[in-house]
């Protein structure tokens, strides 16, 4: 009995050809984070807090907190590195934290 030629039965296995990888590496650059304040356009802005028919300027609250701290501590404005103010209109008060350690309260 004669063997019928089956596809690939009598043929030698084909070798796989290898080629050099010619793809180019993708180059990326990490962006530098910018300070959020540096992207705010320079213009004059006023922010007001209105509560129960009264109005408070955030600028006035900041100045009052700064002046109160300077009076109590005996230090000058050049000594302020950071200031955080927490306004509690229901108490008609604002609380401040200066340089992450000095705290105080001002009446609105």
PDB file of N, CA and C in Angstrom:
ATOM      1  N   UNK A   1       0.843  -1.163   0.000  1.00  0.00           N
ATOM      2  CA  UNK A   1       0.000   0.000   0.000  1.00  0.00           C
ATOM      3  C   UNK A   1       0.896   1.236   0.000  1.00  0.00           C
ATOM      4  N   UNK A   2       0.495   2.114  -0.833  1.00  0.00           N
ATOM      5  CA  UNK A   2       1.292   3.302  -0.991  1.00  0.00           C
ATOM      6  C   UNK A   2       0.746   4.406  -0.077  1.00  0.00           C
ATOM      7  N   UNK A   3       1.656   5.122   0.527  1.00  0.00           N
ATOM      8  CA  UNK A   3       1.242   6.207   1.413  1.00  0.00           C
ATOM      9  C   UNK A   3       0.853   7.412   0.586  1.00  0.00           C
ATOM     10  N   UNK A   4      -0.239   7.961   0.936  1.00  0.00           N
ATOM     11  CA  UNK A   4      -0.667   9.173   0.256  1.00  0.00           C
ATOM     12  C   UNK A   4       0.070  10.347   0.896  1.00  0.00           C
ATOM     13  N   UNK A   5       0.338  11.299   0.105  1.00  0.00           N
ATOM     14  CA  UNK A   5       1.024  12.475   0.627  1.00  0.00           C
ATOM     15  C   UNK A   5       0.059  13.321   1.460  1.00  0.00           C
ATOM     16  N   UNK A   6       0.321  13.326   2.691  1.00  0.00           N
ATOM     17  CA  UNK A   6      -0.450  14.180   3.595  1.00  0.00           C
ATOM     18  C   UNK A   6       0.260  15.530   3.631  1.00  0.00           C
ATOM     19  N   UNK A   7      -0.489  16.575   3.683  1.00  0.00           N
ATOM     20  CA  UNK A   7       0.177  17.879   3.729  1.00  0.00           C
ATOM     21  C   UNK A   7       1.101  17.952   4.947  1.00  0.00           C
ATOM     22  N   UNK A   8       2.340  18.268   4.696  1.00  0.00           N
ATOM     23  CA  UNK A   8       3.305  18.444   5.761  1.00  0.00           C
ATOM     24  C   UNK A   8       3.874  17.155   6.293  1.00  0.00           C
ATOM     25  N   UNK A   9       3.383  15.984   5.864  1.00  0.00           N
ATOM     26  CA  UNK A   9       3.858  14.724   6.404  1.00  0.00           C
ATOM     27  C   UNK A   9       5.243  14.385   5.909  1.00  0.00           C
ATOM     28  N   UNK A  10       5.498  14.637   4.661  1.00  0.00           N
ATOM     29  CA  UNK A  10       6.793  14.269   4.124  1.00  0.00           C
ATOM     30  C   UNK A  10       7.731  15.470   4.030  1.00  0.00           C
ATOM     31  N   UNK A  11       7.223  16.620   4.346  1.00  0.00           N
ATOM     32  CA  UNK A  11       8.053  17.804   4.230  1.00  0.00           C
ATOM     33  C   UNK A  11       8.780  18.050   5.556  1.00  0.00           C
ATOM     34  N   UNK A  12       9.963  18.581   5.439  1.00  0.00           N
ATOM     35  CA  UNK A  12      10.736  18.932   6.633  1.00  0.00           C
ATOM     36  C   UNK A  12      10.091  20.145   7.295  1.00  0.00           C
ATOM     37  N   UNK A  13      10.145  20.196   8.632  1.00  0.00           N
ATOM     38  CA  UNK A  13       9.558  21.362   9.303  1.00  0.00           C
ATOM     39  C   UNK A  13      10.258  22.637   8.867  1.00  0.00           C
ATOM     40  N   UNK A  14       9.446  23.653   8.702  1.00  0.00           N
ATOM     41  CA  UNK A  14       9.997  24.944   8.304  1.00  0.00           C
ATOM     42  C   UNK A  14      10.643  25.593   9.527  1.00  0.00           C
ATOM     43  N   UNK A  15      11.751  26.260   9.308  1.00  0.00           N
ATOM     44  CA  UNK A  15      12.401  26.950  10.420  1.00  0.00           C
ATOM     45  C   UNK A  15      11.807  28.355  10.540  1.00  0.00           C
ATOM     46  N   UNK A  16      11.803  28.824  11.741  1.00  0.00           N
ATOM     47  CA  UNK A  16      11.285  30.172  11.977  1.00  0.00           C
ATOM     48  C   UNK A  16      12.405  31.169  11.740  1.00  0.00           C
ATOM     49  N   UNK A  17      12.127  32.172  10.999  1.00  0.00           N
ATOM     50  CA  UNK A  17      13.122  33.199  10.740  1.00  0.00           C
ATOM     51  C   UNK A  17      13.027  34.261  11.828  1.00  0.00           C
ATOM     52  N   UNK A  18      14.150  34.702  12.289  1.00  0.00           N
ATOM     53  CA  UNK A  18      14.161  35.776  13.281  1.00  0.00           C
ATOM     54  C   UNK A  18      14.688  37.035  12.621  1.00  0.00           C
ATOM     55  N   UNK A  19      14.141  38.153  13.050  1.00  0.00           N
ATOM     56  CA  UNK A  19      14.599  39.433  12.518  1.00  0.00           C
ATOM     57  C   UNK A  19      14.937  40.342  13.678  1.00  0.00           C
ATOM     58  N   UNK A  20      15.755  41.282  13.394  1.00  0.00           N
ATOM     59  CA  UNK A  20      16.150  42.261  14.406  1.00  0.00           C
ATOM     60  C   UNK A  20      14.973  43.193  14.683  1.00  0.00           C
ATOM     61  N   UNK A  21      14.770  43.477  15.964  1.00  0.00           N
ATOM     62  CA  UNK A  21      13.682  44.381  16.353  1.00  0.00           C
ATOM     63  C   UNK A  21      14.027  45.784  15.893  1.00  0.00           C
ATOM     64  N   UNK A  22      13.220  46.313  15.012  1.00  0.00           N
ATOM     65  CA  UNK A  22      13.491  47.651  14.488  1.00  0.00           C
ATOM     66  C   UNK A  22      12.504  48.678  15.018  1.00  0.00           C
ATOM     67  N   UNK A  23      11.700  48.299  16.019  1.00  0.00           N
ATOM     68  CA  UNK A  23      10.757  49.273  16.584  1.00  0.00           C
ATOM     69  C   UNK A  23      11.527  50.285  17.392  1.00  0.00           C
ATOM     70  N   UNK A  24      11.023  51.462  17.409  1.00  0.00           N
ATOM     71  CA  UNK A  24      11.689  52.539  18.137  1.00  0.00           C
ATOM     72  C   UNK A  24      11.088  52.653  19.528  1.00  0.00           C
ATOM     73  N   UNK A  25      11.929  52.913  20.477  1.00  0.00           N
ATOM     74  CA  UNK A  25      11.458  53.098  21.847  1.00  0.00           C
ATOM     75  C   UNK A  25      10.655  54.385  21.926  1.00  0.00           C
ATOM     76  N   UNK A  26       9.624  54.375  22.735  1.00  0.00           N
ATOM     77  CA  UNK A  26       8.801  55.571  22.923  1.00  0.00           C
ATOM     78  C   UNK A  26       9.420  56.393  24.040  1.00  0.00           C
ATOM     79  N   UNK A  27       9.725  57.601  23.739  1.00  0.00           N
ATOM     80  CA  UNK A  27      10.351  58.473  24.711  1.00  0.00           C
ATOM     81  C   UNK A  27       9.275  59.306  25.391  1.00  0.00           C
ATOM     82  N   UNK A  28       9.309  59.338  26.715  1.00  0.00           N
ATOM     83  CA  UNK A  28       8.336  60.133  27.449  1.00  0.00           C
ATOM     84  C   UNK A  28       9.067  61.108  28.345  1.00  0.00           C
ATOM     85  N   UNK A  29       8.375  62.136  28.686  1.00  0.00           N
ATOM     86  CA  UNK A  29       8.911  63.126  29.620  1.00  0.00           C
ATOM     87  C   UNK A  29       7.915  63.311  30.737  1.00  0.00           C
ATOM     88  N   UNK A  30       8.420  63.312  31.963  1.00  0.00           N
ATOM     89  CA  UNK A  30       7.549  63.558  33.108  1.00  0.00           C
ATOM     90  C   UNK A  30       7.376  65.057  33.250  1.00  0.00           C
ATOM     91  N   UNK A  31       6.149  65.478  33.424  1.00  0.00           N
ATOM     92  CA  UNK A  31       5.883  66.897  33.613  1.00  0.00           C
ATOM     93  C   UNK A  31       6.249  67.336  35.023  1.00  0.00           C
ATOM     94  N   UNK A  32       6.665  68.538  35.158  1.00  0.00           N
ATOM     95  CA  UNK A  32       6.995  69.097  36.458  1.00  0.00           C
ATOM     96  C   UNK A  32       5.733  69.724  37.031  1.00  0.00           C
ATOM     97  N   UNK A  33       5.391  69.339  38.259  1.00  0.00           N
ATOM     98  CA  UNK A  33       4.204  69.910  38.886  1.00  0.00           C
ATOM     99  C   UNK A  33       4.474  71.364  39.230  1.00  0.00           C
ATOM    100  N   UNK A  34       3.548  72.189  38.881  1.00  0.00           N
ATOM    101  CA  UNK A  34       3.674  73.614  39.187  1.00  0.00           C
ATOM    102  C   UNK A  34       2.840  73.926  40.408  1.00  0.00           C
ATOM    103  N   UNK A  35       3.270  74.909  41.136  1.00  0.00           N
ATOM    104  CA  UNK A  35       2.504  75.371  42.279  1.00  0.00           C
ATOM    105  C   UNK A  35       1.187  75.934  41.759  1.00  0.00           C
ATOM    106  N   UNK A  36       0.096  75.534  42.378  1.00  0.00           N
ATOM    107  CA  UNK A  36      -1.230  75.953  41.921  1.00  0.00           C
ATOM    108  C   UNK A  36      -1.353  77.475  41.889  1.00  0.00           C
ATOM    109  N   UNK A  37      -0.713  78.157  42.818  1.00  0.00           N
ATOM    110  CA  UNK A  37      -0.824  79.608  42.870  1.00  0.00           C
ATOM    111  C   UNK A  37      -0.129  80.267  41.678  1.00  0.00           C
ATOM    112  N   UNK A  38       0.896  79.608  41.118  1.00  0.00           N
ATOM    113  CA  UNK A  38       1.614  80.217  40.010  1.00  0.00           C
ATOM    114  C   UNK A  38       0.767  80.254  38.745  1.00  0.00           C
ATOM    115  N   UNK A  39      -0.280  79.453  38.680  1.00  0.00           N
ATOM    116  CA  UNK A  39      -1.127  79.429  37.499  1.00  0.00           C
ATOM    117  C   UNK A  39      -2.343  80.335  37.622  1.00  0.00           C
ATOM    118  N   UNK A  40      -2.522  80.984  38.755  1.00  0.00           N
ATOM    119  CA  UNK A  40      -3.635  81.900  38.937  1.00  0.00           C
ATOM    120  C   UNK A  40      -3.252  83.229  38.285  1.00  0.00           C
ATOM    121  N   UNK A  41      -4.069  83.708  37.382  1.00  0.00           N
ATOM    122  CA  UNK A  41      -3.746  84.987  36.745  1.00  0.00           C
ATOM    123  C   UNK A  41      -3.692  86.107  37.788  1.00  0.00           C
ATOM    124  N   UNK A  42      -2.852  87.065  37.527  1.00  0.00           N
ATOM    125  CA  UNK A  42      -2.696  88.192  38.451  1.00  0.00           C
ATOM    126  C   UNK A  42      -3.798  89.213  38.181  1.00  0.00           C
ATOM    127  N   UNK A  43      -4.698  89.342  39.133  1.00  0.00           N
ATOM    128  CA  UNK A  43      -5.741  90.351  39.051  1.00  0.00           C
ATOM    129  C   UNK A  43      -6.236  90.613  40.461  1.00  0.00           C
ATOM    130  N   UNK A  44      -6.954  91.685  40.622  1.00  0.00           N
ATOM    131  CA  UNK A  44      -7.491  92.042  41.927  1.00  0.00           C
ATOM    132  C   UNK A  44      -8.777  91.271  42.169  1.00  0.00           C
ATOM    133  N   UNK A  45      -8.864  90.629  43.313  1.00  0.00           N
ATOM    134  CA  UNK A  45     -10.058  89.848  43.647  1.00  0.00           C
ATOM    135  C   UNK A  45     -10.448  90.116  45.095  1.00  0.00           C
ATOM    136  N   UNK A  46     -11.722  90.126  45.352  1.00  0.00           N
ATOM    137  CA  UNK A  46     -12.249  90.287  46.699  1.00  0.00           C
ATOM    138  C   UNK A  46     -13.225  89.151  46.964  1.00  0.00           C
ATOM    139  N   UNK A  47     -13.133  88.561  48.152  1.00  0.00           N
ATOM    140  CA  UNK A  47     -14.037  87.490  48.534  1.00  0.00           C
ATOM    141  C   UNK A  47     -14.763  87.939  49.797  1.00  0.00           C
ATOM    142  N   UNK A  48     -16.080  87.802  49.784  1.00  0.00           N
ATOM    143  CA  UNK A  48     -16.897  88.219  50.922  1.00  0.00           C
ATOM    144  C   UNK A  48     -17.714  87.036  51.427  1.00  0.00           C
ATOM    145  N   UNK A  49     -17.854  86.970  52.724  1.00  0.00           N
ATOM    146  CA  UNK A  49     -18.690  85.964  53.363  1.00  0.00           C
ATOM    147  C   UNK A  49     -19.940  86.676  53.853  1.00  0.00           C
ATOM    148  N   UNK A  50     -21.084  86.207  53.411  1.00  0.00           N
ATOM    149  CA  UNK A  50     -22.347  86.785  53.853  1.00  0.00           C
ATOM    150  C   UNK A  50     -23.092  85.751  54.672  1.00  0.00           C
ATOM    151  N   UNK A  51     -23.535  86.185  55.866  1.00  0.00           N
ATOM    152  CA  UNK A  51     -24.208  85.258  56.761  1.00  0.00           C
ATOM    153  C   UNK A  51     -25.180  86.036  57.642  1.00  0.00           C
ATOM    154  N   UNK A  52     -26.423  85.606  57.658  1.00  0.00           N
ATOM    155  CA  UNK A  52     -27.477  86.214  58.481  1.00  0.00           C
ATOM    156  C   UNK A  52     -27.507  87.738  58.369  1.00  0.00           C
ATOM    157  N   UNK A  53     -27.444  88.220  57.137  1.00  0.00           N
ATOM    158  CA  UNK A  53     -27.558  89.654  56.896  1.00  0.00           C
ATOM    159  C   UNK A  53     -26.294  90.444  57.159  1.00  0.00           C
ATOM    160  N   UNK A  54     -25.201  89.794  57.501  1.00  0.00           N
ATOM    161  CA  UNK A  54     -23.924  90.488  57.728  1.00  0.00           C
ATOM    162  C   UNK A  54     -22.950  90.083  56.633  1.00  0.00           C
ATOM    163  N   UNK A  55     -21.972  90.944  56.401  1.00  0.00           N
ATOM    164  CA  UNK A  55     -20.976  90.676  55.370  1.00  0.00           C
ATOM    165  C   UNK A  55     -19.581  90.868  55.950  1.00  0.00           C
ATOM    166  N   UNK A  56     -18.704  89.915  55.634  1.00  0.00           N
ATOM    167  CA  UNK A  56     -17.333  89.952  56.127  1.00  0.00           C
ATOM    168  C   UNK A  56     -16.382  89.796  54.947  1.00  0.00           C
ATOM    169  N   UNK A  57     -15.410  90.651  54.862  1.00  0.00           N
ATOM    170  CA  UNK A  57     -14.395  90.558  53.815  1.00  0.00           C
ATOM    171  C   UNK A  57     -13.306  89.599  54.282  1.00  0.00           C
ATOM    172  N   UNK A  58     -12.959  88.645  53.426  1.00  0.00           N
ATOM    173  CA  UNK A  58     -11.899  87.715  53.812  1.00  0.00           C
ATOM    174  C   UNK A  58     -10.559  88.429  53.951  1.00  0.00           C
ATOM    175  N   UNK A  59     -10.376  89.493  53.194  1.00  0.00           N
ATOM    176  CA  UNK A  59      -9.148  90.282  53.315  1.00  0.00           C
ATOM    177  C   UNK A  59      -9.077  90.938  54.698  1.00  0.00           C
ATOM    178  N   UNK A  60     -10.192  91.490  55.152  1.00  0.00           N
ATOM    179  CA  UNK A  60     -10.224  92.113  56.477  1.00  0.00           C
ATOM    180  C   UNK A  60      -9.995  91.081  57.578  1.00  0.00           C
ATOM    181  N   UNK A  61     -10.542  89.877  57.393  1.00  0.00           N
ATOM    182  CA  UNK A  61     -10.350  88.811  58.386  1.00  0.00           C
ATOM    183  C   UNK A  61      -8.870  88.431  58.447  1.00  0.00           C
ATOM    184  N   UNK A  62      -8.229  88.313  57.297  1.00  0.00           N
ATOM    185  CA  UNK A  62      -6.808  87.987  57.242  1.00  0.00           C
ATOM    186  C   UNK A  62      -5.964  89.054  57.927  1.00  0.00           C
ATOM    187  N   UNK A  63      -6.236  90.310  57.629  1.00  0.00           N
ATOM    188  CA  UNK A  63      -5.480  91.410  58.233  1.00  0.00           C
ATOM    189  C   UNK A  63      -5.685  91.437  59.747  1.00  0.00           C
ATOM    190  N   UNK A  64      -6.919  91.239  60.181  1.00  0.00           N
ATOM    191  CA  UNK A  64      -7.210  91.247  61.618  1.00  0.00           C
ATOM    192  C   UNK A  64      -6.498  90.089  62.332  1.00  0.00           C
ATOM    193  N   UNK A  65      -6.489  88.917  61.726  1.00  0.00           N
ATOM    194  CA  UNK A  65      -5.795  87.774  62.326  1.00  0.00           C
ATOM    195  C   UNK A  65      -4.298  88.033  62.405  1.00  0.00           C
ATOM    196  N   UNK A  66      -3.736  88.554  61.336  1.00  0.00           N
ATOM    197  CA  UNK A  66      -2.301  88.859  61.298  1.00  0.00           C
ATOM    198  C   UNK A  66      -1.937  89.906  62.351  1.00  0.00           C
ATOM    199  N   UNK A  67      -2.723  90.978  62.426  1.00  0.00           N
ATOM    200  CA  UNK A  67      -2.437  92.042  63.404  1.00  0.00           C
ATOM    201  C   UNK A  67      -2.592  91.557  64.846  1.00  0.00           C
ATOM    202  N   UNK A  68      -3.605  90.730  65.097  1.00  0.00           N
ATOM    203  CA  UNK A  68      -3.803  90.178  66.440  1.00  0.00           C
ATOM    204  C   UNK A  68      -2.619  89.311  66.828  1.00  0.00           C
ATOM    205  N   UNK A  69      -2.162  88.449  65.913  1.00  0.00           N
ATOM    206  CA  UNK A  69      -1.019  87.581  66.196  1.00  0.00           C
ATOM    207  C   UNK A  69       0.244  88.397  66.456  1.00  0.00           C
ATOM    208  N   UNK A  70       0.479  89.439  65.639  1.00  0.00           N
ATOM    209  CA  UNK A  70       1.678  90.270  65.826  1.00  0.00           C
ATOM    210  C   UNK A  70       1.632  90.985  67.165  1.00  0.00           C
ATOM    211  N   UNK A  71       0.453  91.472  67.555  1.00  0.00           N
ATOM    212  CA  UNK A  71       0.317  92.167  68.838  1.00  0.00           C
ATOM    213  C   UNK A  71       0.567  91.212  69.998  1.00  0.00           C
ATOM    214  N   UNK A  72       0.013  89.991  69.916  1.00  0.00           N
ATOM    215  CA  UNK A  72       0.160  89.024  71.002  1.00  0.00           C
ATOM    216  C   UNK A  72       1.556  88.412  71.071  1.00  0.00           C
ATOM    217  N   UNK A  73       2.191  88.207  69.924  1.00  0.00           N
ATOM    218  CA  UNK A  73       3.497  87.533  69.903  1.00  0.00           C
ATOM    219  C   UNK A  73       4.675  88.496  69.933  1.00  0.00           C
ATOM    220  N   UNK A  74       4.433  89.738  69.571  1.00  0.00           N
ATOM    221  CA  UNK A  74       5.530  90.702  69.513  1.00  0.00           C
ATOM    222  C   UNK A  74       6.409  90.518  68.279  1.00  0.00           C
ATOM    223  N   UNK A  75       5.964  89.724  67.334  1.00  0.00           N
ATOM    224  CA  UNK A  75       6.730  89.477  66.112  1.00  0.00           C
ATOM    225  C   UNK A  75       6.170  90.315  64.975  1.00  0.00           C
ATOM    226  N   UNK A  76       6.935  90.384  63.871  1.00  0.00           N
ATOM    227  CA  UNK A  76       6.528  91.177  62.722  1.00  0.00           C
ATOM    228  C   UNK A  76       5.991  90.325  61.584  1.00  0.00           C
ATOM    229  N   UNK A  77       5.496  90.975  60.537  1.00  0.00           N
ATOM    230  CA  UNK A  77       4.925  90.239  59.402  1.00  0.00           C
ATOM    231  C   UNK A  77       5.958  89.362  58.693  1.00  0.00           C
ATOM    232  N   UNK A  78       7.230  89.727  58.768  1.00  0.00           N
ATOM    233  CA  UNK A  78       8.270  88.919  58.127  1.00  0.00           C
ATOM    234  C   UNK A  78       8.451  87.560  58.815  1.00  0.00           C
ATOM    235  N   UNK A  79       7.917  87.418  60.027  1.00  0.00           N
ATOM    236  CA  UNK A  79       8.013  86.155  60.762  1.00  0.00           C
ATOM    237  C   UNK A  79       6.913  85.161  60.374  1.00  0.00           C
ATOM    238  N   UNK A  80       5.952  85.598  59.598  1.00  0.00           N
ATOM    239  CA  UNK A  80       4.861  84.708  59.183  1.00  0.00           C
ATOM    240  C   UNK A  80       5.305  83.911  57.959  1.00  0.00           C
ATOM    241  N   UNK A  81       5.314  82.599  58.123  1.00  0.00           N
ATOM    242  CA  UNK A  81       5.654  81.696  57.018  1.00  0.00           C
ATOM    243  C   UNK A  81       4.387  81.107  56.398  1.00  0.00           C
ATOM    244  N   UNK A  82       3.368  80.873  57.212  1.00  0.00           N
ATOM    245  CA  UNK A  82       2.092  80.355  56.715  1.00  0.00           C
ATOM    246  C   UNK A  82       0.986  80.799  57.655  1.00  0.00           C
ATOM    247  N   UNK A  83      -0.193  80.925  57.093  1.00  0.00           N
ATOM    248  CA  UNK A  83      -1.362  81.289  57.903  1.00  0.00           C
ATOM    249  C   UNK A  83      -2.589  80.570  57.333  1.00  0.00           C
ATOM    250  N   UNK A  84      -3.318  79.927  58.214  1.00  0.00           N
ATOM    251  CA  UNK A  84      -4.576  79.264  57.857  1.00  0.00           C
ATOM    252  C   UNK A  84      -5.669  79.876  58.718  1.00  0.00           C
ATOM    253  N   UNK A  85      -6.788  80.196  58.083  1.00  0.00           N
ATOM    254  CA  UNK A  85      -7.899  80.812  58.801  1.00  0.00           C
ATOM    255  C   UNK A  85      -9.144  79.961  58.586  1.00  0.00           C
ATOM    256  N   UNK A  86      -9.829  79.707  59.680  1.00  0.00           N
ATOM    257  CA  UNK A  86     -11.051  78.908  59.660  1.00  0.00           C
ATOM    258  C   UNK A  86     -12.191  79.805  60.136  1.00  0.00           C
ATOM    259  N   UNK A  87     -13.090  80.156  59.227  1.00  0.00           N
ATOM    260  CA  UNK A  87     -14.190  81.069  59.536  1.00  0.00           C
ATOM    261  C   UNK A  87     -15.393  80.246  59.983  1.00  0.00           C
ATOM    262  N   UNK A  88     -15.928  80.616  61.152  1.00  0.00           N
ATOM    263  CA  UNK A  88     -17.131  79.967  61.671  1.00  0.00           C
ATOM    264  C   UNK A  88     -18.207  81.042  61.815  1.00  0.00           C
ATOM    265  N   UNK A  89     -18.954  81.279  60.740  1.00  0.00           N
ATOM    266  CA  UNK A  89     -19.929  82.364  60.785  1.00  0.00           C
ATOM    267  C   UNK A  89     -21.003  82.157  61.838  1.00  0.00           C
ATOM    268  N   UNK A  90     -21.346  80.901  62.148  1.00  0.00           N
ATOM    269  CA  UNK A  90     -22.372  80.669  63.166  1.00  0.00           C
ATOM    270  C   UNK A  90     -21.909  81.124  64.550  1.00  0.00           C
ATOM    271  N   UNK A  91     -20.597  81.259  64.741  1.00  0.00           N
ATOM    272  CA  UNK A  91     -20.046  81.773  66.001  1.00  0.00           C
ATOM    273  C   UNK A  91     -19.601  83.229  65.866  1.00  0.00           C
ATOM    274  N   UNK A  92     -19.748  83.797  64.667  1.00  0.00           N
ATOM    275  CA  UNK A  92     -19.225  85.140  64.362  1.00  0.00           C
ATOM    276  C   UNK A  92     -17.777  85.250  64.806  1.00  0.00           C
ATOM    277  N   UNK A  93     -16.987  84.219  64.440  1.00  0.00           N
ATOM    278  CA  UNK A  93     -15.576  84.163  64.825  1.00  0.00           C
ATOM    279  C   UNK A  93     -14.763  83.516  63.713  1.00  0.00           C
ATOM    280  N   UNK A  94     -13.465  83.772  63.759  1.00  0.00           N
ATOM    281  CA  UNK A  94     -12.517  83.119  62.861  1.00  0.00           C
ATOM    282  C   UNK A  94     -11.344  82.655  63.714  1.00  0.00           C
ATOM    283  N   UNK A  95     -10.876  81.476  63.430  1.00  0.00           N
ATOM    284  CA  UNK A  95      -9.738  80.900  64.154  1.00  0.00           C
ATOM    285  C   UNK A  95      -8.558  80.851  63.191  1.00  0.00           C
ATOM    286  N   UNK A  96      -7.371  81.176  63.702  1.00  0.00           N
ATOM    287  CA  UNK A  96      -6.202  81.176  62.833  1.00  0.00           C
ATOM    288  C   UNK A  96      -5.099  80.288  63.407  1.00  0.00           C
ATOM    289  N   UNK A  97      -4.280  79.791  62.482  1.00  0.00           N
ATOM    290  CA  UNK A  97      -3.081  79.030  62.825  1.00  0.00           C
ATOM    291  C   UNK A  97      -1.956  79.655  62.015  1.00  0.00           C
ATOM    292  N   UNK A  98      -0.966  80.161  62.698  1.00  0.00           N
ATOM    293  CA  UNK A  98       0.160  80.811  62.036  1.00  0.00           C
ATOM    294  C   UNK A  98       1.414  79.974  62.274  1.00  0.00           C
ATOM    295  N   UNK A  99       2.143  79.732  61.198  1.00  0.00           N
ATOM    296  CA  UNK A  99       3.377  78.939  61.222  1.00  0.00           C
ATOM    297  C   UNK A  99       3.178  77.564  61.831  1.00  0.00           C
ATOM    298  N   UNK A 100       2.002  77.012  61.659  1.00  0.00           N
ATOM    299  CA  UNK A 100       1.650  75.663  62.121  1.00  0.00           C
ATOM    300  C   UNK A 100       1.769  75.461  63.635  1.00  0.00           C
ATOM    301  N   UNK A 101       1.861  76.551  64.414  1.00  0.00           N
ATOM    302  CA  UNK A 101       1.941  76.360  65.866  1.00  0.00           C
ATOM    303  C   UNK A 101       1.171  77.394  66.673  1.00  0.00           C
ATOM    304  N   UNK A 102       1.138  78.632  66.257  1.00  0.00           N
ATOM    305  CA  UNK A 102       0.442  79.669  67.014  1.00  0.00           C
ATOM    306  C   UNK A 102      -1.029  79.705  66.585  1.00  0.00           C
ATOM    307  N   UNK A 103      -1.908  79.648  67.571  1.00  0.00           N
ATOM    308  CA  UNK A 103      -3.342  79.663  67.275  1.00  0.00           C
ATOM    309  C   UNK A 103      -4.012  80.819  67.989  1.00  0.00           C
ATOM    310  N   UNK A 104      -5.147  81.216  67.477  1.00  0.00           N
ATOM    311  CA  UNK A 104      -5.896  82.280  68.117  1.00  0.00           C
ATOM    312  C   UNK A 104      -7.276  82.408  67.515  1.00  0.00           C
ATOM    313  N   UNK A 105      -8.042  83.303  68.100  1.00  0.00           N
ATOM    314  CA  UNK A 105      -9.422  83.523  67.671  1.00  0.00           C
ATOM    315  C   UNK A 105      -9.641  85.021  67.539  1.00  0.00           C
ATOM    316  N   UNK A 106     -10.396  85.387  66.493  1.00  0.00           N
ATOM    317  CA  UNK A 106     -10.793  86.800  66.354  1.00  0.00           C
ATOM    318  C   UNK A 106     -12.304  86.836  66.181  1.00  0.00           C
ATOM    319  N   UNK A 107     -12.904  87.880  66.679  1.00  0.00           N
ATOM    320  CA  UNK A 107     -14.346  88.078  66.524  1.00  0.00           C
ATOM    321  C   UNK A 107     -14.595  88.793  65.206  1.00  0.00           C
ATOM    322  N   UNK A 108     -15.672  88.398  64.558  1.00  0.00           N
ATOM    323  CA  UNK A 108     -16.017  89.039  63.280  1.00  0.00           C
ATOM    324  C   UNK A 108     -16.908  90.236  63.504  1.00  0.00           C
TER     325      UNK A 108
END
